[in-house]
Amino acid sequence: MHPTLPAAFLQSPGTALAMCSAGIAVFLIGILSAKNDIAQARGLDKIVALTNLCFGVPLAVFGALHLFGAQFVQGLVPRYMPGRMFWVYFVGCALIAASLSIATKIAVRWSGLLVGIMMFMFVAMLYLPFALSHMQARITWTIVFRESSFGGAAWILAATAKDGWRGKARNTLITIGRIAIALAAIFFGIQHFLHPLGLPGVPLQKQMPTWVPGPVLIDYVTGAALLVVGASALLNRKTRELAAGVGGWILLTVLVIYTPVMIAALSQPGIEVKVEGINYFADTLLFAGVILALASAAPRSDVVVRDGVPQK
């Protein structure tokens, strides 16, 4: 038997404890910031109101990993870059700052823009070159699309925030973000059908736990939903309703599947296992935020849009 969540949390050493603590702290801050929006929203828009929370919490978790577990990410810094440890800590501080900005909806115009630039730089510098030279590297291509979707969603948040970008800049950021998310959703959807025993959401290596009933059905449903929302985003049709529903579904898998997986990982003795469990949880929560960001950029079906601006 695995320990309860508090016991697993308290017995987690160093890096894992810092990651969990950062995520919990930003969750509490974010839920206070989002409570009015959630209360005022109706129907599926209540799920859309969780966008910044779902996006901000994982950034804090990853930021803490950079600051307290630099050994896990140092190898990702290209060897040609001087001061490799400096960049690890710099990115960690940047992620923590961005998580607070996005969760509290303060200065998202800049934090979203910069996070998007950072994610696209990760793709260009770290993952895409290897993927292009190893076309069969499924996991690397998954990471390429995953990081691109993170960057695209960050740009959408920068454009749709109350203090966000306006005019041509706004439209450009939303368009790039929508396309990046749509391509990721379609790629992930296909992967769910090709590998129907993996954890749902972001199709990486970890397999579905044996205690999950109907794992193949869950993967097929998730894959079909991602294909539909990806096509909807490309066509720009009924995107808000579909993305809100799919984002809610992924968020449900985070609560029902990924939370027990993380607790089980935290109960294991190896720090690598603990960090992996937390990373899978945070990755999928962030992807839920990505899909909800897509929904937030699309107008409601009862709102008329003129020149890219919703009209009351």
Protein backbone atom coordinates (compact mmCIF):
# COMPACT_ATOMS: atom_id res chain seq x y z
CA MET A 1 0.00 0.00 0.00
CA HIS A 2 1.12 3.51 -0.81
CA PRO A 3 1.19 6.22 1.85
CA THR A 4 -1.36 8.97 1.83
CA LEU A 5 -0.64 12.16 -0.05
CA PRO A 6 0.52 14.12 3.06
CA ALA A 7 2.84 11.29 4.10
CA ALA A 8 4.29 10.92 0.62
CA PHE A 9 4.75 14.68 0.40
CA LEU A 10 6.49 15.01 3.77
CA GLN A 11 8.89 12.15 3.14
CA SER A 12 10.00 13.52 -0.25
CA PRO A 13 13.58 14.81 -0.14
CA GLY A 14 15.02 18.04 -1.51
CA THR A 15 14.11 18.45 -5.14
CA ALA A 16 10.75 16.67 -5.03
CA LEU A 17 9.67 18.58 -1.92
CA ALA A 18 10.63 21.89 -3.52
CA MET A 19 8.71 21.06 -6.71
CA CYS A 20 5.57 20.08 -4.79
CA SER A 21 5.82 23.10 -2.49
CA ALA A 22 6.19 25.53 -5.41
CA GLY A 23 3.22 24.02 -7.20
CA ILE A 24 1.01 24.12 -4.10
CA ALA A 25 1.99 27.72 -3.33
CA VAL A 26 1.18 28.96 -6.83
CA PHE A 27 -2.03 26.90 -6.85
CA LEU A 28 -3.24 28.66 -3.70
CA ILE A 29 -2.27 32.07 -5.10
CA GLY A 30 -3.86 31.31 -8.46
CA ILE A 31 -7.12 29.95 -7.07
CA LEU A 32 -7.58 33.16 -5.08
CA SER A 33 -6.99 35.20 -8.24
CA ALA A 34 -9.37 33.07 -10.31
CA LYS A 35 -12.23 32.67 -7.82
CA ASN A 36 -14.25 35.65 -9.11
CA ASP A 37 -13.87 34.59 -12.75
CA ILE A 38 -14.92 31.05 -11.86
CA ALA A 39 -17.93 32.29 -9.89
CA GLN A 40 -19.09 34.58 -12.70
CA ALA A 41 -18.58 32.06 -15.52
CA ARG A 42 -21.37 29.85 -16.80
CA GLY A 43 -21.33 26.34 -18.24
CA LEU A 44 -18.09 25.27 -19.90
CA ASP A 45 -16.65 28.74 -19.32
CA LYS A 46 -16.10 27.70 -15.69
CA ILE A 47 -13.48 25.28 -17.00
CA VAL A 48 -11.99 27.96 -19.27
CA ALA A 49 -11.63 30.18 -16.19
CA LEU A 50 -9.03 27.69 -14.91
CA THR A 51 -6.68 28.39 -17.83
CA ASN A 52 -4.14 30.59 -16.05
CA LEU A 53 -4.16 28.36 -12.98
CA CYS A 54 -3.48 25.21 -15.02
CA PHE A 55 -0.71 27.02 -16.89
CA GLY A 56 0.92 28.77 -13.96
CA VAL A 57 1.21 25.88 -11.48
CA PRO A 58 3.36 23.62 -13.72
CA LEU A 59 5.70 26.50 -14.55
CA ALA A 60 6.36 26.88 -10.82
CA VAL A 61 7.02 23.14 -10.52
CA PHE A 62 9.51 23.21 -13.40
CA GLY A 63 11.11 26.37 -12.05
CA ALA A 64 11.72 24.66 -8.71
CA LEU A 65 13.24 21.69 -10.54
CA HIS A 66 15.78 24.03 -12.18
CA LEU A 67 16.62 25.72 -8.88
CA PHE A 68 16.71 22.70 -6.56
CA GLY A 69 17.49 19.85 -8.97
CA ALA A 70 19.86 21.42 -11.46
CA GLN A 71 21.52 18.05 -12.03
CA PHE A 72 18.35 16.83 -13.77
CA VAL A 73 18.33 19.59 -16.40
CA GLN A 74 21.97 20.67 -16.75
CA GLY A 75 22.51 18.17 -19.56
CA LEU A 76 19.87 19.89 -21.68
CA VAL A 77 21.94 23.07 -21.97
CA PRO A 78 23.90 22.95 -25.25
CA ARG A 79 27.63 22.39 -24.71
CA TYR A 80 28.51 25.38 -26.88
CA MET A 81 26.86 27.75 -24.40
CA PRO A 82 29.21 29.19 -21.74
CA GLY A 83 28.17 29.12 -18.09
CA ARG A 84 25.79 26.20 -18.42
CA MET A 85 24.77 26.26 -14.74
CA PHE A 86 23.97 29.97 -15.01
CA TRP A 87 21.38 29.22 -17.69
CA VAL A 88 19.83 26.47 -15.59
CA TYR A 89 19.27 28.83 -12.67
CA PHE A 90 18.29 31.72 -14.94
CA VAL A 91 15.54 29.64 -16.57
CA GLY A 92 14.43 28.45 -13.13
CA CYS A 93 14.02 32.03 -11.87
CA ALA A 94 12.27 33.01 -15.12
CA LEU A 95 9.79 30.14 -14.78
CA ILE A 96 8.98 31.01 -11.17
CA ALA A 97 8.43 34.68 -12.07
CA ALA A 98 6.27 33.73 -15.07
CA SER A 99 4.21 31.29 -13.01
CA LEU A 100 3.33 34.01 -10.49
CA SER A 101 2.56 36.51 -13.26
CA ILE A 102 0.29 34.13 -15.17
CA ALA A 103 -1.44 32.69 -12.09
CA THR A 104 -2.22 36.18 -10.76
CA LYS A 105 -2.94 37.61 -14.23
CA ILE A 106 -0.49 40.45 -13.65
CA ALA A 107 1.67 41.64 -16.58
CA VAL A 108 0.75 38.56 -18.63
CA ARG A 109 1.32 40.67 -21.75
CA TRP A 110 5.05 40.29 -21.11
CA SER A 111 5.32 37.04 -19.17
CA GLY A 112 3.28 35.15 -21.76
CA LEU A 113 5.26 36.64 -24.63
CA LEU A 114 8.62 35.79 -23.02
CA VAL A 115 7.58 32.27 -21.99
CA GLY A 116 6.46 31.66 -25.56
CA ILE A 117 9.78 32.88 -26.94
CA MET A 118 11.63 30.66 -24.46
CA MET A 119 9.61 27.56 -25.39
CA PHE A 120 10.14 28.10 -29.11
CA MET A 121 13.85 28.60 -28.45
CA PHE A 122 13.92 25.27 -26.60
CA VAL A 123 12.39 23.65 -29.68
CA ALA A 124 14.84 25.27 -32.09
CA MET A 125 17.97 24.75 -29.97
CA LEU A 126 17.38 21.48 -28.12
CA TYR A 127 14.84 19.22 -29.78
CA LEU A 128 14.12 20.00 -33.43
CA PRO A 129 17.70 19.46 -34.72
CA PHE A 130 17.79 15.96 -33.21
CA ALA A 131 14.26 15.18 -34.40
CA LEU A 132 15.07 16.19 -37.97
CA SER A 133 18.11 13.91 -38.01
CA HIS A 134 16.17 11.06 -36.36
CA MET A 135 12.77 11.11 -38.04
CA GLN A 136 11.67 7.92 -36.26
CA ALA A 137 12.35 9.34 -32.79
CA ARG A 138 8.74 9.41 -31.63
CA ILE A 139 9.42 10.74 -28.13
CA THR A 140 11.58 13.59 -29.44
CA TRP A 141 8.90 14.60 -31.93
CA THR A 142 6.35 14.44 -29.11
CA ILE A 143 8.51 16.86 -27.12
CA VAL A 144 8.86 19.14 -30.17
CA PHE A 145 5.09 19.41 -30.50
CA ARG A 146 4.60 19.61 -26.74
CA GLU A 147 7.01 22.51 -26.27
CA SER A 148 5.59 24.25 -29.36
CA SER A 149 2.10 23.98 -27.91
CA PHE A 150 3.36 25.40 -24.61
CA GLY A 151 4.86 28.35 -26.47
CA GLY A 152 1.76 28.86 -28.57
CA ALA A 153 -0.50 28.86 -25.52
CA ALA A 154 1.76 31.34 -23.74
CA TRP A 155 1.43 33.70 -26.69
CA ILE A 156 -2.34 33.29 -26.62
CA LEU A 157 -2.35 34.21 -22.94
CA ALA A 158 -0.22 37.28 -23.74
CA ALA A 159 -2.67 38.33 -26.44
CA THR A 160 -5.93 37.69 -24.58
CA ALA A 161 -4.95 39.08 -21.16
CA LYS A 162 -6.64 42.24 -19.92
CA ASP A 163 -3.35 44.06 -20.42
CA GLY A 164 -2.54 42.01 -23.51
CA TRP A 165 -1.34 42.95 -26.95
CA ARG A 166 -3.71 44.63 -29.35
CA GLY A 167 -4.23 45.02 -33.09
CA LYS A 168 -2.01 43.14 -35.52
CA ALA A 169 0.29 41.85 -32.77
CA ARG A 170 -2.66 40.29 -30.97
CA ASN A 171 -3.98 38.58 -34.08
CA THR A 172 -0.52 37.29 -35.00
CA LEU A 173 0.13 35.83 -31.54
CA ILE A 174 -3.28 34.13 -31.44
CA THR A 175 -2.91 32.73 -34.96
CA ILE A 176 0.55 31.28 -34.31
CA GLY A 177 -0.59 29.91 -30.97
CA ARG A 178 -3.72 28.36 -32.44
CA ILE A 179 -1.77 26.62 -35.22
CA ALA A 180 0.93 25.34 -32.85
CA ILE A 181 -1.67 23.90 -30.48
CA ALA A 182 -3.73 22.42 -33.32
CA LEU A 183 -0.72 20.60 -34.80
CA ALA A 184 0.25 19.25 -31.39
CA ALA A 185 -3.30 18.06 -30.71
CA ILE A 186 -3.47 16.25 -34.07
CA PHE A 187 -0.04 14.63 -33.57
CA PHE A 188 -0.92 13.56 -30.03
CA GLY A 189 -4.31 12.28 -31.17
CA ILE A 190 -2.69 10.03 -33.78
CA GLN A 191 -0.16 8.77 -31.22
CA HIS A 192 -2.98 7.74 -28.88
CA PHE A 193 -4.32 5.40 -31.55
CA LEU A 194 -0.86 4.05 -32.43
CA HIS A 195 0.12 3.52 -28.77
CA PRO A 196 -3.15 2.97 -26.89
CA LEU A 197 -1.64 1.86 -23.57
CA GLY A 198 0.29 5.03 -22.75
CA LEU A 199 -0.81 7.62 -20.24
CA PRO A 200 -3.39 9.94 -21.83
CA GLY A 201 -2.76 13.56 -22.80
CA VAL A 202 0.90 13.94 -23.74
CA PRO A 203 1.89 10.56 -25.25
CA LEU A 204 5.34 9.90 -23.79
CA GLN A 205 6.84 6.60 -22.61
CA LYS A 206 5.07 5.84 -19.31
CA GLN A 207 2.32 3.24 -19.57
CA MET A 208 -1.14 3.30 -18.02
CA PRO A 209 -1.21 1.80 -14.49
CA THR A 210 -2.73 -1.67 -14.21
CA TRP A 211 -5.43 -0.41 -11.83
CA VAL A 212 -6.95 1.90 -14.47
CA PRO A 213 -10.06 0.24 -15.99
CA GLY A 214 -10.41 0.33 -19.78
CA PRO A 215 -7.03 1.92 -20.56
CA VAL A 216 -7.34 1.39 -24.31
CA LEU A 217 -10.78 3.00 -24.35
CA ILE A 218 -9.46 6.00 -22.39
CA ASP A 219 -6.62 6.45 -24.87
CA TYR A 220 -8.94 6.12 -27.86
CA VAL A 221 -11.39 8.65 -26.41
CA THR A 222 -8.55 11.05 -25.65
CA GLY A 223 -7.05 10.57 -29.10
CA ALA A 224 -10.35 11.15 -30.87
CA ALA A 225 -11.02 14.24 -28.77
CA LEU A 226 -7.60 15.69 -29.59
CA LEU A 227 -8.06 15.04 -33.31
CA VAL A 228 -11.43 16.78 -33.25
CA VAL A 229 -10.20 19.82 -31.33
CA GLY A 230 -7.09 20.05 -33.52
CA ALA A 231 -9.17 20.07 -36.70
CA SER A 232 -11.58 22.55 -35.13
CA ALA A 233 -8.70 24.89 -34.27
CA LEU A 234 -7.28 24.74 -37.80
CA LEU A 235 -10.69 25.43 -39.30
CA ASN A 236 -11.49 27.96 -36.55
CA ARG A 237 -14.97 26.49 -36.07
CA LYS A 238 -16.70 25.85 -32.71
CA THR A 239 -13.28 25.87 -31.10
CA ARG A 240 -14.31 27.34 -27.75
CA GLU A 241 -16.88 24.69 -26.86
CA LEU A 242 -14.79 21.77 -28.11
CA ALA A 243 -11.53 22.97 -26.53
CA ALA A 244 -13.25 23.66 -23.21
CA GLY A 245 -14.66 20.14 -23.19
CA VAL A 246 -11.38 18.50 -24.18
CA GLY A 247 -9.44 20.63 -21.70
CA GLY A 248 -11.88 19.52 -19.01
CA TRP A 249 -11.38 15.88 -20.01
CA ILE A 250 -7.58 16.16 -19.78
CA LEU A 251 -7.91 17.94 -16.45
CA LEU A 252 -10.07 15.04 -15.25
CA THR A 253 -7.36 12.54 -16.24
CA VAL A 254 -4.85 14.64 -14.29
CA LEU A 255 -7.00 14.36 -11.17
CA VAL A 256 -8.05 10.72 -11.53
CA ILE A 257 -4.97 9.11 -13.13
CA TYR A 258 -1.93 11.35 -12.83
CA THR A 259 -2.45 12.28 -9.18
CA PRO A 260 -2.33 8.64 -7.99
CA VAL A 261 0.62 8.02 -10.33
CA MET A 262 2.46 10.96 -8.74
CA ILE A 263 1.63 9.81 -5.20
CA ALA A 264 2.92 6.33 -6.03
CA ALA A 265 6.13 7.84 -7.41
CA LEU A 266 6.59 10.01 -4.31
CA SER A 267 6.38 6.89 -2.15
CA GLN A 268 9.34 5.31 -3.95
CA PRO A 269 12.88 5.67 -2.54
CA GLY A 270 14.66 6.95 -5.67
CA ILE A 271 14.67 10.70 -6.29
CA GLU A 272 14.64 10.11 -10.05
CA VAL A 273 11.34 8.24 -9.75
CA LYS A 274 9.85 11.01 -7.62
CA VAL A 275 10.87 13.72 -10.08
CA GLU A 276 9.54 11.71 -13.01
CA GLY A 277 6.15 11.28 -11.34
CA ILE A 278 5.89 14.99 -10.59
CA ASN A 279 7.00 15.87 -14.12
CA TYR A 280 4.31 13.69 -15.72
CA PHE A 281 1.66 15.30 -13.53
CA ALA A 282 2.88 18.85 -14.27
CA ASP A 283 3.35 18.20 -18.00
CA THR A 284 -0.21 17.00 -18.43
CA LEU A 285 -1.66 19.76 -16.26
CA LEU A 286 0.20 22.28 -18.41
CA PHE A 287 -1.18 20.65 -21.56
CA ALA A 288 -4.68 20.96 -20.09
CA GLY A 289 -3.90 24.66 -19.69
CA VAL A 290 -2.76 24.73 -23.33
CA ILE A 291 -6.08 23.38 -24.59
CA LEU A 292 -8.01 25.74 -22.31
CA ALA A 293 -5.92 28.66 -23.61
CA LEU A 294 -7.07 27.67 -27.09
CA ALA A 295 -10.65 27.84 -25.83
CA SER A 296 -10.08 31.23 -24.20
CA ALA A 297 -8.92 32.74 -27.51
CA ALA A 298 -12.06 31.65 -29.36
CA PRO A 299 -15.27 33.68 -29.06
CA ARG A 300 -18.41 32.17 -27.59
CA SER A 301 -20.96 31.07 -30.14
CA ASP A 302 -23.35 33.77 -28.93
CA VAL A 303 -20.84 36.58 -29.42
CA VAL A 304 -20.43 38.45 -32.70
CA VAL A 305 -16.82 39.11 -33.74
CA ARG A 306 -15.94 42.14 -35.86
CA ASP A 307 -12.38 42.81 -37.00
CA GLY A 308 -11.11 40.19 -34.57
CA VAL A 309 -12.74 41.85 -31.55
CA PRO A 310 -15.74 40.29 -29.70
CA GLN A 311 -18.77 42.59 -29.64
CA LYS A 312 -21.26 42.77 -26.82
